[in-house]
Amino acid sequence: MAMGGIVASGTIGTMTDTALHLIVSHAGATDDARRQTLAGLRLPHLTRLLSRLERLPDEVAPAEREPERTLSLPHERAQARALGLPGEDGYLPWAAWRQASAGRLPGGANIDGGRFDSAAPDGPAPDGQAFARLTPCHWAVGSDHIALRDPEALQLSDEESQTLLAAMQPYFTEDGLAVQWERALCWTARGDLLQGLPCASLDRVIGRRVDDWLPRTAAARPIRRLQQEMQMLLYTHPVNEAREQRGLLPVNSFWVDGAGALPVGWAASGPASGLAEVRLDERLRGPTMEGDAAAWGLAWQQLDDEALPPLLQALEAGRAVYLTLAGERAAAAFGPRSGGGQSLPRAISRAISRASALWRSPRPAHVLDTL
């Protein structure tokens, strides 16, 4: 779900008195290089926010999983909770949610109230239909394992992506999957195979052993077979032969994530309820995936300068503000302080908040080191 910068991931209402919730992904400084970078950063707006917000109870970790072994990343679980999205770890229906956000679902499940284009070859999607994101990718075969390379490294063009999808379509169709091209690195699939399918997020798998993250359930067997078939189909495909002649990686498989369906009428109790404006900022993702601590630090500086001042301004205007900082292992959530002094005049409340900031504020480095 990397989109870069501040992205409105689910704007819930437009009133100025709605709560504002910013979720920052890949925020954790969990290796020595990022810790060293963080030690030299000045993050004044983050420091001010942490002094004015209260740490909320931590998420209960998914049962029987180590924090770094969850299928869904902490920021995804946080965003799902904020949006009222149903599903547990590995079963968050992000692809269906994106369809609803674009107004492509029938009935009450849409956020914007639209439908699929009824003239499209596949027709409108029925209520409760399951979707998933398919990402064309390169599985690097080693001596004892297969690793998934970052799809961004493919430099895949729209034309190449469309040609490869056209070659793969008959195989998808045979298994009851309708696959729609969205952009070079994102295809959307829908079909019954995607119901009840546990999926590891793409970012969980990049740079790691593919076999460790492939679902083992009976529901996943057709998907795993398709992945294997695509490796054989694409091995000598003209697009890949041309790419390799140019020194580019071939596309030899695909990854599936964000699978599942939205309950019929979900929007009525989700984003349409007008409870909060939820934003996701993923500008730290690229440097994290690339292992570039210096670029990660620069991205954090930019985030502090650009994304956090609006939250402070919202606080000054009396809006409820929430901030979630998420890494690979955990997320730290902050929100309005208990009691909050709401009955006091605003000037007095501000003075109390600022005077007590020195002793009650967690340090950014300490928070980010735990994620």
Protein backbone atom coordinates (compact mmCIF):
# COMPACT_ATOMS: atom_id res chain seq x y z
CA MET A 1 0.00 0.00 0.00
CA ALA A 2 2.91 2.29 -0.48
CA MET A 3 1.70 5.58 -1.81
CA GLY A 4 4.22 8.09 -0.46
CA GLY A 5 3.55 11.32 1.37
CA ILE A 6 0.32 11.94 3.19
CA VAL A 7 -2.50 9.95 1.70
CA ALA A 8 -6.13 10.20 2.72
CA SER A 9 -6.65 6.52 3.39
CA GLY A 10 -10.19 6.93 4.51
CA THR A 11 -11.64 10.37 4.97
CA ILE A 12 -14.55 9.99 7.30
CA GLY A 13 -16.66 13.08 7.13
CA THR A 14 -15.53 16.64 6.36
CA MET A 15 -16.64 18.60 9.42
CA THR A 16 -13.95 20.56 11.20
CA ASP A 17 -14.92 19.07 14.56
CA THR A 18 -14.24 15.49 13.51
CA ALA A 19 -11.24 13.76 15.01
CA LEU A 20 -8.01 13.67 13.02
CA HIS A 21 -5.97 10.45 13.02
CA LEU A 22 -2.54 10.21 11.38
CA ILE A 23 -0.91 6.79 11.04
CA VAL A 24 2.80 6.70 10.19
CA SER A 25 4.10 3.42 8.79
CA HIS A 26 7.69 2.07 8.98
CA ALA A 27 8.41 4.53 11.79
CA GLY A 28 10.49 2.23 14.00
CA ALA A 29 14.23 2.57 14.55
CA THR A 30 14.84 -1.09 15.26
CA ASP A 31 18.33 -1.54 13.84
CA ASP A 32 21.64 0.06 14.77
CA ALA A 33 21.89 2.17 11.61
CA ARG A 34 18.48 3.78 12.12
CA ARG A 35 19.08 4.25 15.84
CA GLN A 36 22.29 6.12 15.07
CA THR A 37 20.47 8.24 12.51
CA LEU A 38 17.64 8.96 14.93
CA ALA A 39 20.09 10.08 17.63
CA GLY A 40 21.17 12.97 15.40
CA LEU A 41 17.68 14.06 14.33
CA ARG A 42 15.70 16.97 15.66
CA LEU A 43 11.97 16.22 15.53
CA PRO A 44 10.44 19.22 17.32
CA HIS A 45 6.88 18.73 16.11
CA LEU A 46 6.84 15.07 17.10
CA THR A 47 8.25 16.02 20.50
CA ARG A 48 5.50 18.62 20.98
CA LEU A 49 2.79 16.19 19.93
CA LEU A 50 3.99 13.49 22.30
CA SER A 51 3.97 16.06 25.11
CA ARG A 52 0.33 16.93 24.45
CA LEU A 53 -1.11 13.48 23.77
CA GLU A 54 -1.55 10.44 25.98
CA ARG A 55 -0.22 6.96 25.19
CA LEU A 56 -3.19 4.72 24.55
CA PRO A 57 -3.33 1.04 25.51
CA ASP A 58 -1.21 -1.10 23.23
CA GLU A 59 -2.83 -3.47 20.74
CA VAL A 60 -3.27 -7.02 21.91
CA ALA A 61 -0.87 -9.00 19.73
CA PRO A 62 -2.41 -11.66 17.48
CA ALA A 63 -2.44 -14.98 19.30
CA GLU A 64 0.42 -17.42 18.87
CA ARG A 65 2.55 -15.13 16.67
CA GLU A 66 5.79 -13.34 17.37
CA PRO A 67 5.44 -9.59 16.67
CA GLU A 68 7.68 -9.78 13.61
CA ARG A 69 5.79 -12.86 12.32
CA THR A 70 2.32 -11.36 12.04
CA LEU A 71 0.91 -11.53 8.53
CA SER A 72 -0.42 -7.97 8.59
CA LEU A 73 1.88 -5.10 9.50
CA PRO A 74 1.12 -3.02 12.62
CA HIS A 75 0.14 0.06 10.59
CA GLU A 76 -2.32 -2.03 8.58
CA ARG A 77 -3.98 -3.37 11.71
CA ALA A 78 -4.10 0.16 13.16
CA GLN A 79 -5.61 1.58 9.99
CA ALA A 80 -8.18 -1.21 9.83
CA ARG A 81 -9.26 -0.50 13.41
CA ALA A 82 -9.51 3.22 12.71
CA LEU A 83 -11.66 2.59 9.64
CA GLY A 84 -13.83 -0.04 11.28
CA LEU A 85 -12.61 -2.57 8.74
CA PRO A 86 -13.49 -6.17 9.65
CA GLY A 87 -10.99 -8.98 9.81
CA GLU A 88 -8.07 -10.25 11.87
CA ASP A 89 -4.35 -10.57 11.23
CA GLY A 90 -3.83 -11.81 7.68
CA TYR A 91 -7.53 -11.47 6.81
CA LEU A 92 -7.88 -7.70 6.29
CA PRO A 93 -9.84 -7.14 3.04
CA TRP A 94 -7.85 -4.19 1.74
CA ALA A 95 -8.55 -4.84 -1.93
CA ALA A 96 -12.31 -4.89 -1.32
CA TRP A 97 -11.98 -1.72 0.75
CA ARG A 98 -10.20 0.01 -2.13
CA GLN A 99 -12.99 -1.02 -4.47
CA ALA A 100 -15.51 0.41 -2.03
CA SER A 101 -13.47 3.61 -1.71
CA ALA A 102 -13.61 3.99 -5.50
CA GLY A 103 -17.37 3.40 -5.54
CA ARG A 104 -17.08 0.10 -7.40
CA LEU A 105 -19.25 -2.12 -5.20
CA PRO A 106 -23.01 -2.54 -5.47
CA GLY A 107 -25.42 -1.79 -2.68
CA GLY A 108 -24.44 -0.33 0.67
CA ALA A 109 -20.81 -1.38 0.78
CA ASN A 110 -19.55 1.65 -1.16
CA ILE A 111 -17.96 4.58 0.55
CA ASP A 112 -18.72 6.96 -2.32
CA GLY A 113 -21.92 5.28 -3.45
CA GLY A 114 -20.87 4.17 -6.94
CA ARG A 115 -20.71 0.83 -8.71
CA PHE A 116 -18.53 -1.13 -11.05
CA ASP A 117 -19.02 -0.07 -14.64
CA SER A 118 -21.92 -2.30 -15.68
CA ALA A 119 -20.57 -2.28 -19.23
CA ALA A 120 -17.28 -3.82 -18.17
CA PRO A 121 -16.66 -7.36 -19.48
CA ASP A 122 -16.79 -8.85 -16.03
CA GLY A 123 -19.87 -6.90 -15.02
CA PRO A 124 -20.59 -5.51 -11.57
CA ALA A 125 -19.31 -7.37 -8.53
CA PRO A 126 -22.00 -8.97 -6.39
CA ASP A 127 -22.46 -8.09 -2.74
CA GLY A 128 -20.01 -9.89 -0.49
CA GLN A 129 -17.59 -10.66 -3.31
CA ALA A 130 -13.98 -11.23 -2.27
CA PHE A 131 -11.11 -9.27 -3.82
CA ALA A 132 -7.33 -9.32 -3.52
CA ARG A 133 -4.35 -7.35 -4.76
CA LEU A 134 -1.99 -9.18 -7.11
CA THR A 135 1.53 -7.78 -7.44
CA PRO A 136 3.74 -8.95 -10.31
CA CYS A 137 7.13 -9.69 -8.82
CA HIS A 138 10.47 -11.45 -9.10
CA TRP A 139 11.22 -14.51 -7.00
CA ALA A 140 15.01 -14.79 -6.74
CA VAL A 141 16.03 -18.45 -6.68
CA GLY A 142 19.00 -19.17 -4.41
CA SER A 143 20.86 -22.36 -3.58
CA ASP A 144 18.57 -23.24 -0.68
CA HIS A 145 15.65 -20.81 -0.77
CA ILE A 146 13.59 -18.38 -2.87
CA ALA A 147 13.43 -14.71 -1.87
CA LEU A 148 11.03 -12.02 -3.05
CA ARG A 149 12.68 -8.92 -4.48
CA ASP A 150 11.10 -5.49 -3.99
CA PRO A 151 8.72 -5.08 -6.96
CA GLU A 152 9.77 -1.44 -7.26
CA ALA A 153 13.19 -2.70 -8.40
CA LEU A 154 11.58 -4.23 -11.49
CA GLN A 155 11.01 -0.82 -13.09
CA LEU A 156 8.06 -2.49 -14.77
CA SER A 157 6.33 -0.38 -17.41
CA ASP A 158 2.56 -0.20 -17.86
CA GLU A 159 2.85 -1.84 -21.28
CA GLU A 160 4.95 -4.75 -19.95
CA SER A 161 2.56 -5.24 -17.04
CA GLN A 162 -0.49 -5.30 -19.30
CA THR A 163 1.15 -7.75 -21.71
CA LEU A 164 2.10 -10.12 -18.90
CA LEU A 165 -1.36 -9.96 -17.39
CA ALA A 166 -2.91 -10.77 -20.77
CA ALA A 167 -0.75 -13.91 -20.96
CA MET A 168 -1.76 -14.95 -17.45
CA GLN A 169 -5.47 -14.18 -17.75
CA PRO A 170 -6.57 -17.60 -19.14
CA TYR A 171 -5.07 -19.33 -16.10
CA PHE A 172 -6.81 -16.95 -13.70
CA THR A 173 -10.10 -17.31 -15.56
CA GLU A 174 -9.91 -21.10 -15.41
CA ASP A 175 -9.79 -20.84 -11.60
CA GLY A 176 -12.70 -18.42 -11.48
CA LEU A 177 -10.68 -15.24 -10.92
CA ALA A 178 -11.50 -12.03 -12.77
CA VAL A 179 -8.34 -9.88 -12.79
CA GLN A 180 -8.36 -6.20 -13.60
CA TRP A 181 -5.26 -4.13 -14.40
CA GLU A 182 -4.94 -1.07 -12.16
CA ARG A 183 -1.33 0.00 -12.67
CA ALA A 184 2.02 -1.62 -13.41
CA LEU A 185 2.50 -3.14 -9.95
CA CYS A 186 -1.11 -3.55 -8.91
CA TRP A 187 -3.75 -5.84 -10.36
CA THR A 188 -7.09 -6.43 -8.65
CA ALA A 189 -8.58 -9.92 -8.58
CA ARG A 190 -12.04 -11.00 -7.51
CA GLY A 191 -13.49 -14.46 -7.08
CA ASP A 192 -14.50 -17.11 -4.59
CA LEU A 193 -10.91 -18.38 -4.24
CA LEU A 194 -10.16 -15.21 -2.28
CA GLN A 195 -12.67 -15.93 0.49
CA GLY A 196 -11.05 -16.95 3.77
CA LEU A 197 -7.55 -16.69 2.32
CA PRO A 198 -4.83 -15.73 4.85
CA CYS A 199 -2.28 -13.39 3.27
CA ALA A 200 1.05 -12.02 4.34
CA SER A 201 1.43 -8.37 3.39
CA LEU A 202 3.83 -7.76 0.52
CA ASP A 203 6.14 -5.69 2.74
CA ARG A 204 6.43 -8.60 5.15
CA VAL A 205 7.90 -10.79 2.41
CA ILE A 206 10.20 -8.43 0.50
CA GLY A 207 13.79 -9.59 0.93
CA ARG A 208 12.76 -12.72 2.80
CA ARG A 209 12.20 -16.40 2.14
CA VAL A 210 8.98 -16.75 0.17
CA ASP A 211 8.26 -20.21 1.54
CA ASP A 212 8.08 -18.88 5.10
CA TRP A 213 5.13 -16.66 4.17
CA LEU A 214 3.10 -18.79 1.77
CA PRO A 215 -0.30 -19.73 3.25
CA ARG A 216 -0.65 -23.42 4.13
CA THR A 217 -4.43 -23.66 4.33
CA ALA A 218 -6.55 -25.72 1.98
CA ALA A 219 -8.07 -22.50 0.64
CA ALA A 220 -4.62 -21.39 -0.50
CA ARG A 221 -3.73 -24.45 -2.58
CA PRO A 222 -5.15 -23.10 -5.87
CA ILE A 223 -3.28 -19.82 -5.40
CA ARG A 224 -0.01 -21.62 -4.75
CA ARG A 225 -0.56 -23.76 -7.82
CA LEU A 226 -1.19 -20.63 -9.91
CA GLN A 227 2.03 -19.08 -8.62
CA GLN A 228 3.95 -22.16 -9.68
CA GLU A 229 2.26 -22.25 -13.08
CA MET A 230 3.14 -18.61 -13.67
CA GLN A 231 6.80 -19.34 -13.00
CA MET A 232 6.76 -21.84 -15.87
CA LEU A 233 4.64 -19.65 -18.16
CA LEU A 234 6.76 -16.52 -17.72
CA TYR A 235 10.17 -18.21 -17.87
CA THR A 236 10.53 -17.70 -21.64
CA HIS A 237 7.97 -14.96 -22.18
CA PRO A 238 9.12 -12.37 -24.76
CA VAL A 239 8.65 -9.52 -22.28
CA ASN A 240 11.07 -11.18 -19.86
CA GLU A 241 13.54 -12.05 -22.59
CA ALA A 242 13.61 -8.41 -23.65
CA ARG A 243 13.94 -7.25 -20.07
CA GLU A 244 16.86 -9.54 -19.37
CA GLN A 245 18.62 -8.29 -22.50
CA ARG A 246 18.35 -4.79 -20.98
CA GLY A 247 19.74 -6.02 -17.66
CA LEU A 248 16.38 -5.90 -15.85
CA LEU A 249 14.90 -8.56 -13.60
CA PRO A 250 12.27 -10.84 -15.15
CA VAL A 251 8.75 -11.05 -13.74
CA ASN A 252 8.33 -14.70 -12.76
CA SER A 253 5.43 -14.81 -10.31
CA PHE A 254 2.95 -12.71 -8.35
CA TRP A 255 2.10 -12.06 -4.72
CA VAL A 256 -1.40 -12.01 -3.25
CA ASP A 257 -2.42 -9.87 -0.30
CA GLY A 258 -5.35 -7.87 1.06
CA ALA A 259 -7.77 -10.70 0.27
CA GLY A 260 -11.33 -10.96 1.54
CA ALA A 261 -14.79 -9.42 1.32
CA LEU A 262 -16.57 -6.57 3.03
CA PRO A 263 -19.82 -7.39 4.78
CA VAL A 264 -22.87 -6.22 2.85
CA GLY A 265 -23.73 -2.71 4.00
CA TRP A 266 -20.41 -2.31 5.81
CA ALA A 267 -20.04 1.40 4.97
CA ALA A 268 -23.07 2.24 7.08
CA SER A 269 -21.09 1.43 10.23
CA GLY A 270 -17.62 2.21 8.90
CA PRO A 271 -16.14 5.32 7.27
CA ALA A 272 -19.54 6.78 6.38
CA SER A 273 -20.33 7.25 10.07
CA GLY A 274 -18.42 10.54 10.23
CA LEU A 275 -16.32 9.74 13.31
CA ALA A 276 -12.79 10.56 12.18
CA GLU A 277 -10.53 11.58 9.33
CA VAL A 278 -7.93 8.87 8.91
CA ARG A 279 -4.68 9.51 7.04
CA LEU A 280 -1.81 7.14 6.32
CA ASP A 281 1.70 8.46 5.70
CA GLU A 282 4.04 5.93 4.06
CA ARG A 283 6.99 8.11 3.08
CA LEU A 284 9.28 6.10 5.40
CA ARG A 285 8.53 2.88 3.54
CA GLY A 286 10.94 3.30 0.64
CA PRO A 287 14.04 3.97 2.77
CA THR A 288 13.06 1.12 5.10
CA MET A 289 12.68 -1.37 2.25
CA GLU A 290 16.00 -0.21 0.78
CA GLY A 291 17.80 -0.38 4.14
CA ASP A 292 18.91 3.24 3.69
CA ALA A 293 19.15 4.70 7.19
CA ALA A 294 20.28 8.13 5.96
CA ALA A 295 17.30 8.43 3.59
CA TRP A 296 15.03 7.19 6.39
CA GLY A 297 16.29 10.00 8.60
CA LEU A 298 15.71 12.59 5.88
CA ALA A 299 12.19 11.25 5.36
CA TRP A 300 11.51 11.51 9.09
CA GLN A 301 12.73 15.12 9.05
CA GLN A 302 10.43 15.89 6.14
CA LEU A 303 7.53 14.15 7.87
CA ASP A 304 8.14 16.20 11.03
CA ASP A 305 8.20 19.41 9.01
CA GLU A 306 5.18 18.68 6.80
CA ALA A 307 2.84 16.07 8.25
CA LEU A 308 2.87 16.83 11.96
CA PRO A 309 2.26 20.61 12.11
CA PRO A 310 -1.36 20.15 10.87
CA LEU A 311 -1.97 17.90 13.89
CA LEU A 312 -0.66 20.59 16.24
CA GLN A 313 -2.84 23.15 14.48
CA ALA A 314 -5.84 20.86 14.88
CA LEU A 315 -5.09 20.57 18.60
CA GLU A 316 -4.94 24.34 18.88
CA ALA A 317 -8.32 24.52 17.14
CA GLY A 318 -9.81 22.15 19.70
CA ARG A 319 -10.06 19.04 17.51
CA ALA A 320 -9.41 15.59 18.89
CA VAL A 321 -6.12 14.32 17.48
CA TYR A 322 -4.74 10.78 17.30
CA LEU A 323 -1.27 9.75 16.21
CA THR A 324 -0.16 6.17 15.57
CA LEU A 325 3.52 5.39 15.01
CA ALA A 326 3.98 1.91 13.55
CA GLY A 327 7.04 -0.20 12.85
CA GLU A 328 7.54 -3.82 11.83
CA ARG A 329 6.83 -5.25 15.29
CA ALA A 330 4.38 -2.94 17.02
CA ALA A 331 2.50 0.34 16.95
CA ALA A 332 2.34 3.09 19.56
CA ALA A 333 -0.93 5.04 19.61
CA PHE A 334 -1.47 8.44 21.19
CA GLY A 335 -4.71 10.35 21.71
CA PRO A 336 -6.47 13.03 23.76
CA ARG A 337 -5.53 13.08 27.41
CA SER A 338 -7.98 11.75 29.97
CA GLY A 339 -9.87 14.61 31.54
CA GLY A 340 -8.18 16.89 29.07
CA GLY A 341 -9.11 20.06 30.90
CA GLN A 342 -11.86 20.63 28.40
CA SER A 343 -13.91 22.70 30.87
CA LEU A 344 -11.05 25.18 31.34
CA PRO A 345 -10.64 28.23 29.13
CA ARG A 346 -8.46 27.37 26.16
CA ALA A 347 -5.62 29.72 27.16
CA ILE A 348 -5.38 28.16 30.64
CA SER A 349 -5.54 24.65 29.22
CA ARG A 350 -2.71 25.46 26.81
CA ALA A 351 -0.57 26.89 29.60
CA ILE A 352 -1.05 23.80 31.77
CA SER A 353 -0.26 21.52 28.85
CA ARG A 354 2.95 23.33 27.97
CA ALA A 355 4.13 23.68 31.57
CA SER A 356 3.79 19.96 32.21
CA ALA A 357 5.30 18.84 28.90
CA LEU A 358 8.85 18.56 30.23
CA TRP A 359 8.06 15.82 32.72
CA ARG A 360 5.32 13.89 31.03
CA SER A 361 6.53 13.65 27.43
CA PRO A 362 8.01 10.40 26.12
CA ARG A 363 11.06 11.00 23.97
CA PRO A 364 10.72 10.23 20.24
CA ALA A 365 13.87 8.09 20.26
CA HIS A 366 12.51 5.95 23.09
CA VAL A 367 9.15 5.44 21.36
CA LEU A 368 10.56 4.67 17.92
CA ASP A 369 13.10 2.24 19.37
CA THR A 370 10.27 0.01 20.62
CA LEU A 371 8.50 -0.43 17.27
